[in-house]
Amino acid sequence: MSGEGSLGKWVATAGAAIVVMVVLLGAAAGSAIGSLLFPFSSLLSSLFPGGSNGSSSSPMPSPAATASIPPAMLALYQEAAATCPGLPWTVLAAIGTVESSNGTSNLPGVHSGQNP
């Protein structure tokens, strides 16, 4: 009987160690991702003042944003965000800016919807 008890304790200890390791790895990954995005934070904050920190449900676009985002895309970002509570249009605009230059890029997949 004592062998079964010590096996149970060992399994519980190993399980707890795995949970702690997953939490620590998750925290490290989050920190690494944050440091990778840090160089873009000043660009994004200049394009989208007020940011997406939840301080405003629909911040007004900055002059830099209206100059760099085509009006049709800006309207799409704002309309799409309205359908998803908690997702600011600024996040969608940031993704669109980085991934496709707001639909103006000629890279494969931007206009066709398919990558080679």
N, C-alpha and C. Protein backbone atom coordinates (compact mmCIF):
# COMPACT_ATOMS: atom_id res chain seq x y z
N MET A 1 0.81 -1.19 0.00
CA MET A 1 0.00 0.00 0.00
C MET A 1 0.85 1.25 0.00
N SER A 2 1.95 1.26 0.75
CA SER A 2 2.76 2.46 0.84
C SER A 2 3.39 2.78 -0.52
N GLY A 3 3.61 1.77 -1.35
CA GLY A 3 4.16 2.00 -2.69
C GLY A 3 3.19 2.78 -3.55
N GLU A 4 1.90 2.48 -3.42
CA GLU A 4 0.89 3.18 -4.20
C GLU A 4 0.78 4.63 -3.77
N GLY A 5 0.90 4.90 -2.49
CA GLY A 5 0.83 6.26 -1.97
C GLY A 5 1.99 7.10 -2.46
N SER A 6 3.19 6.53 -2.45
CA SER A 6 4.35 7.29 -2.89
C SER A 6 4.29 7.51 -4.41
N LEU A 7 3.71 6.57 -5.15
CA LEU A 7 3.54 6.76 -6.59
C LEU A 7 2.58 7.91 -6.86
N GLY A 8 1.50 7.98 -6.08
CA GLY A 8 0.53 9.06 -6.22
C GLY A 8 1.16 10.42 -5.92
N LYS A 9 1.98 10.46 -4.86
CA LYS A 9 2.65 11.71 -4.52
C LYS A 9 3.62 12.11 -5.62
N TRP A 10 4.33 11.13 -6.17
CA TRP A 10 5.27 11.41 -7.25
C TRP A 10 4.54 11.96 -8.48
N VAL A 11 3.42 11.35 -8.84
CA VAL A 11 2.64 11.81 -9.99
C VAL A 11 2.11 13.23 -9.73
N ALA A 12 1.64 13.50 -8.53
CA ALA A 12 1.13 14.84 -8.20
C ALA A 12 2.25 15.87 -8.26
N THR A 13 3.44 15.51 -7.75
CA THR A 13 4.58 16.42 -7.79
C THR A 13 5.02 16.68 -9.22
N ALA A 14 5.08 15.63 -10.01
CA ALA A 14 5.46 15.79 -11.42
C ALA A 14 4.44 16.64 -12.17
N GLY A 15 3.17 16.44 -11.89
CA GLY A 15 2.12 17.25 -12.52
C GLY A 15 2.24 18.71 -12.15
N ALA A 16 2.49 18.97 -10.88
CA ALA A 16 2.66 20.36 -10.43
C ALA A 16 3.88 21.00 -11.08
N ALA A 17 4.96 20.23 -11.21
CA ALA A 17 6.17 20.75 -11.85
C ALA A 17 5.90 21.09 -13.31
N ILE A 18 5.12 20.27 -13.98
CA ILE A 18 4.79 20.53 -15.39
C ILE A 18 3.95 21.80 -15.51
N VAL A 19 3.00 21.97 -14.61
CA VAL A 19 2.16 23.18 -14.64
C VAL A 19 3.02 24.42 -14.43
N VAL A 20 3.92 24.37 -13.45
CA VAL A 20 4.80 25.52 -13.19
C VAL A 20 5.67 25.80 -14.41
N MET A 21 6.20 24.76 -15.04
CA MET A 21 7.04 24.94 -16.20
C MET A 21 6.26 25.57 -17.36
N VAL A 22 5.04 25.13 -17.57
CA VAL A 22 4.21 25.70 -18.64
C VAL A 22 3.93 27.18 -18.36
N VAL A 23 3.64 27.52 -17.12
CA VAL A 23 3.38 28.92 -16.77
C VAL A 23 4.63 29.77 -17.00
N LEU A 24 5.78 29.27 -16.57
CA LEU A 24 7.02 30.02 -16.76
C LEU A 24 7.38 30.17 -18.23
N LEU A 25 7.20 29.12 -19.01
CA LEU A 25 7.48 29.20 -20.44
C LEU A 25 6.51 30.17 -21.12
N GLY A 26 5.26 30.15 -20.71
CA GLY A 26 4.29 31.09 -21.26
C GLY A 26 4.65 32.52 -20.96
N ALA A 27 5.09 32.78 -19.73
CA ALA A 27 5.51 34.14 -19.36
C ALA A 27 6.73 34.56 -20.15
N ALA A 28 7.68 33.65 -20.32
CA ALA A 28 8.88 33.98 -21.10
C ALA A 28 8.53 34.24 -22.55
N ALA A 29 7.62 33.45 -23.11
CA ALA A 29 7.21 33.66 -24.49
C ALA A 29 6.51 35.00 -24.65
N GLY A 30 5.66 35.35 -23.71
CA GLY A 30 4.98 36.64 -23.76
C GLY A 30 5.96 37.79 -23.70
N SER A 31 6.96 37.66 -22.86
CA SER A 31 7.99 38.69 -22.75
C SER A 31 8.79 38.79 -24.03
N ALA A 32 9.11 37.66 -24.63
CA ALA A 32 9.88 37.66 -25.88
C ALA A 32 9.08 38.29 -27.01
N ILE A 33 7.80 37.98 -27.09
CA ILE A 33 6.96 38.56 -28.13
C ILE A 33 6.86 40.06 -27.93
N GLY A 34 6.70 40.49 -26.68
CA GLY A 34 6.64 41.92 -26.40
C GLY A 34 7.91 42.64 -26.82
N SER A 35 9.07 42.01 -26.58
CA SER A 35 10.32 42.66 -26.97
C SER A 35 10.49 42.67 -28.48
N LEU A 36 9.93 41.69 -29.18
CA LEU A 36 9.99 41.71 -30.64
C LEU A 36 9.12 42.81 -31.22
N LEU A 37 7.99 43.11 -30.57
CA LEU A 37 7.07 44.12 -31.06
C LEU A 37 7.46 45.52 -30.62
N PHE A 38 8.36 45.64 -29.63
CA PHE A 38 8.72 46.95 -29.10
C PHE A 38 9.17 47.93 -30.17
N PRO A 39 10.00 47.53 -31.17
CA PRO A 39 10.41 48.51 -32.18
C PRO A 39 9.24 49.12 -32.94
N PHE A 40 8.12 48.41 -33.03
CA PHE A 40 6.97 48.91 -33.78
C PHE A 40 6.04 49.77 -32.93
N SER A 41 6.26 49.77 -31.61
CA SER A 41 5.32 50.48 -30.74
C SER A 41 5.30 51.98 -31.01
N SER A 42 6.47 52.57 -31.30
CA SER A 42 6.46 54.01 -31.56
C SER A 42 5.77 54.32 -32.88
N LEU A 43 5.95 53.46 -33.89
CA LEU A 43 5.25 53.65 -35.16
C LEU A 43 3.75 53.56 -34.96
N LEU A 44 3.31 52.53 -34.25
CA LEU A 44 1.88 52.34 -34.04
C LEU A 44 1.29 53.46 -33.20
N SER A 45 2.02 53.92 -32.19
CA SER A 45 1.46 55.00 -31.36
C SER A 45 1.41 56.31 -32.12
N SER A 46 2.30 56.51 -33.11
CA SER A 46 2.21 57.74 -33.89
C SER A 46 1.05 57.67 -34.88
N LEU A 47 0.75 56.47 -35.38
CA LEU A 47 -0.37 56.32 -36.30
C LEU A 47 -1.71 56.30 -35.57
N PHE A 48 -1.71 55.75 -34.36
CA PHE A 48 -2.96 55.55 -33.64
C PHE A 48 -2.85 56.09 -32.22
N PRO A 49 -2.87 57.42 -32.05
CA PRO A 49 -2.77 57.95 -30.69
C PRO A 49 -3.98 57.51 -29.86
N GLY A 50 -3.76 57.33 -28.60
CA GLY A 50 -4.84 56.81 -27.76
C GLY A 50 -4.80 55.31 -27.77
N GLY A 51 -4.17 54.75 -28.78
CA GLY A 51 -3.91 53.33 -28.89
C GLY A 51 -5.11 52.45 -28.74
N SER A 52 -4.84 51.25 -28.31
CA SER A 52 -5.91 50.26 -28.14
C SER A 52 -5.91 49.76 -26.71
N ASN A 53 -5.64 50.64 -25.78
CA ASN A 53 -5.55 50.23 -24.39
C ASN A 53 -6.90 50.21 -23.69
N GLY A 54 -7.97 50.41 -24.44
CA GLY A 54 -9.29 50.36 -23.87
C GLY A 54 -9.73 51.68 -23.26
N SER A 55 -8.86 52.74 -23.35
CA SER A 55 -9.24 54.01 -22.76
C SER A 55 -10.35 54.68 -23.54
N SER A 56 -10.47 54.32 -24.79
CA SER A 56 -11.54 54.88 -25.60
C SER A 56 -12.08 53.77 -26.48
N SER A 57 -13.39 53.66 -26.59
CA SER A 57 -13.96 52.57 -27.36
C SER A 57 -13.75 52.77 -28.85
N SER A 58 -13.61 54.01 -29.28
CA SER A 58 -13.41 54.27 -30.69
C SER A 58 -12.59 55.54 -30.87
N PRO A 59 -11.27 55.43 -30.68
CA PRO A 59 -10.44 56.62 -30.80
C PRO A 59 -10.47 57.18 -32.22
N MET A 60 -10.36 58.48 -32.30
CA MET A 60 -10.33 59.14 -33.60
C MET A 60 -8.98 58.87 -34.26
N PRO A 61 -8.96 58.68 -35.58
CA PRO A 61 -7.69 58.47 -36.27
C PRO A 61 -6.83 59.73 -36.21
N SER A 62 -5.55 59.54 -36.05
CA SER A 62 -4.62 60.66 -36.04
C SER A 62 -4.42 61.16 -37.46
N PRO A 63 -3.85 62.35 -37.63
CA PRO A 63 -3.52 62.83 -38.98
C PRO A 63 -2.59 61.85 -39.72
N ALA A 64 -1.65 61.23 -38.99
CA ALA A 64 -0.75 60.26 -39.64
C ALA A 64 -1.52 59.04 -40.13
N ALA A 65 -2.51 58.60 -39.36
CA ALA A 65 -3.31 57.44 -39.76
C ALA A 65 -4.15 57.78 -40.98
N THR A 66 -4.80 58.94 -40.98
CA THR A 66 -5.64 59.29 -42.12
C THR A 66 -4.82 59.54 -43.37
N ALA A 67 -3.55 59.92 -43.19
CA ALA A 67 -2.68 60.13 -44.35
C ALA A 67 -2.16 58.81 -44.92
N SER A 68 -2.03 57.78 -44.06
CA SER A 68 -1.41 56.54 -44.54
C SER A 68 -2.41 55.40 -44.78
N ILE A 69 -3.62 55.51 -44.27
CA ILE A 69 -4.62 54.46 -44.45
C ILE A 69 -5.67 54.96 -45.44
N PRO A 70 -5.86 54.24 -46.55
CA PRO A 70 -6.90 54.66 -47.50
C PRO A 70 -8.26 54.75 -46.80
N PRO A 71 -9.05 55.78 -47.14
CA PRO A 71 -10.34 55.99 -46.45
C PRO A 71 -11.24 54.75 -46.46
N ALA A 72 -11.27 54.02 -47.56
CA ALA A 72 -12.12 52.83 -47.63
C ALA A 72 -11.65 51.77 -46.63
N MET A 73 -10.34 51.61 -46.49
CA MET A 73 -9.82 50.62 -45.54
C MET A 73 -10.06 51.07 -44.10
N LEU A 74 -9.90 52.36 -43.83
CA LEU A 74 -10.16 52.88 -42.50
C LEU A 74 -11.61 52.61 -42.10
N ALA A 75 -12.52 52.84 -43.03
CA ALA A 75 -13.94 52.57 -42.76
C ALA A 75 -14.17 51.09 -42.51
N LEU A 76 -13.50 50.22 -43.28
CA LEU A 76 -13.66 48.77 -43.08
C LEU A 76 -13.14 48.35 -41.71
N TYR A 77 -11.99 48.89 -41.31
CA TYR A 77 -11.45 48.55 -40.00
C TYR A 77 -12.43 48.94 -38.90
N GLN A 78 -12.99 50.15 -39.01
CA GLN A 78 -13.92 50.62 -37.99
C GLN A 78 -15.21 49.81 -37.98
N GLU A 79 -15.72 49.47 -39.15
CA GLU A 79 -16.95 48.67 -39.23
C GLU A 79 -16.72 47.26 -38.68
N ALA A 80 -15.59 46.66 -39.04
CA ALA A 80 -15.31 45.29 -38.58
C ALA A 80 -15.14 45.25 -37.07
N ALA A 81 -14.48 46.25 -36.50
CA ALA A 81 -14.28 46.27 -35.05
C ALA A 81 -15.61 46.40 -34.31
N ALA A 82 -16.56 47.08 -34.92
CA ALA A 82 -17.86 47.25 -34.28
C ALA A 82 -18.60 45.92 -34.12
N THR A 83 -18.23 44.92 -34.91
CA THR A 83 -18.90 43.62 -34.83
C THR A 83 -18.27 42.70 -33.80
N CYS A 84 -17.13 43.12 -33.22
CA CYS A 84 -16.43 42.28 -32.26
C CYS A 84 -16.12 43.09 -31.01
N PRO A 85 -16.98 43.02 -29.99
CA PRO A 85 -16.76 43.80 -28.77
C PRO A 85 -15.38 43.53 -28.17
N GLY A 86 -14.71 44.60 -27.80
CA GLY A 86 -13.38 44.47 -27.19
C GLY A 86 -12.24 44.52 -28.17
N LEU A 87 -12.53 44.51 -29.47
CA LEU A 87 -11.49 44.59 -30.48
C LEU A 87 -11.50 45.99 -31.09
N PRO A 88 -10.54 46.83 -30.72
CA PRO A 88 -10.52 48.18 -31.27
C PRO A 88 -10.13 48.18 -32.74
N TRP A 89 -10.65 49.14 -33.48
CA TRP A 89 -10.31 49.24 -34.91
C TRP A 89 -8.82 49.48 -35.08
N THR A 90 -8.19 50.08 -34.07
CA THR A 90 -6.76 50.37 -34.18
C THR A 90 -5.93 49.09 -34.28
N VAL A 91 -6.39 48.03 -33.63
CA VAL A 91 -5.68 46.75 -33.72
C VAL A 91 -5.80 46.21 -35.15
N LEU A 92 -7.00 46.26 -35.71
CA LEU A 92 -7.18 45.81 -37.10
C LEU A 92 -6.35 46.65 -38.06
N ALA A 93 -6.33 47.96 -37.83
CA ALA A 93 -5.54 48.83 -38.70
C ALA A 93 -4.05 48.54 -38.57
N ALA A 94 -3.59 48.25 -37.37
CA ALA A 94 -2.19 47.91 -37.18
C ALA A 94 -1.84 46.62 -37.92
N ILE A 95 -2.70 45.63 -37.84
CA ILE A 95 -2.47 44.38 -38.55
C ILE A 95 -2.48 44.62 -40.05
N GLY A 96 -3.47 45.38 -40.54
CA GLY A 96 -3.55 45.68 -41.97
C GLY A 96 -2.36 46.45 -42.47
N THR A 97 -1.83 47.35 -41.63
CA THR A 97 -0.65 48.14 -42.01
C THR A 97 0.56 47.25 -42.15
N VAL A 98 0.77 46.38 -41.17
CA VAL A 98 1.95 45.51 -41.19
C VAL A 98 1.85 44.42 -42.25
N GLU A 99 0.69 43.80 -42.35
CA GLU A 99 0.55 42.63 -43.22
C GLU A 99 0.36 42.95 -44.70
N SER A 100 -0.29 44.06 -45.03
CA SER A 100 -0.60 44.31 -46.45
C SER A 100 -0.47 45.76 -46.86
N SER A 101 0.14 46.58 -46.02
CA SER A 101 0.20 48.02 -46.29
C SER A 101 -1.21 48.55 -46.57
N ASN A 102 -2.16 48.10 -45.76
CA ASN A 102 -3.57 48.49 -45.88
C ASN A 102 -4.15 48.18 -47.26
N GLY A 103 -3.78 47.03 -47.78
CA GLY A 103 -4.32 46.57 -49.05
C GLY A 103 -3.65 47.15 -50.28
N THR A 104 -2.58 47.93 -50.09
CA THR A 104 -1.92 48.55 -51.24
C THR A 104 -0.68 47.77 -51.69
N SER A 105 -0.27 46.77 -50.93
CA SER A 105 0.91 45.98 -51.29
C SER A 105 0.63 45.12 -52.52
N ASN A 106 1.65 44.91 -53.30
CA ASN A 106 1.54 44.02 -54.47
C ASN A 106 2.09 42.64 -54.20
N LEU A 107 2.32 42.31 -52.93
CA LEU A 107 2.83 40.98 -52.58
C LEU A 107 1.78 39.92 -52.88
N PRO A 108 2.23 38.68 -53.13
CA PRO A 108 1.29 37.60 -53.43
C PRO A 108 0.28 37.43 -52.30
N GLY A 109 -0.98 37.26 -52.66
CA GLY A 109 -2.03 37.00 -51.69
C GLY A 109 -2.79 38.23 -51.24
N VAL A 110 -2.20 39.42 -51.41
CA VAL A 110 -2.88 40.62 -50.90
C VAL A 110 -4.14 40.90 -51.71
N HIS A 111 -4.08 40.77 -53.02
CA HIS A 111 -5.25 41.06 -53.86
C HIS A 111 -5.98 39.81 -54.32
N SER A 112 -5.25 38.71 -54.47
CA SER A 112 -5.87 37.49 -54.98
C SER A 112 -6.49 36.66 -53.87
N GLY A 113 -6.01 36.83 -52.63
CA GLY A 113 -6.49 36.01 -51.54
C GLY A 113 -5.81 34.65 -51.48
N GLN A 114 -4.87 34.42 -52.39
CA GLN A 114 -4.15 33.16 -52.41
C GLN A 114 -2.66 33.42 -52.51
N ASN A 115 -1.90 32.70 -51.74
CA ASN A 115 -0.45 32.78 -51.83
C ASN A 115 0.02 31.68 -52.77
N PRO A 116 1.12 31.94 -53.46
CA PRO A 116 1.62 30.89 -54.39
C PRO A 116 2.05 29.64 -53.66
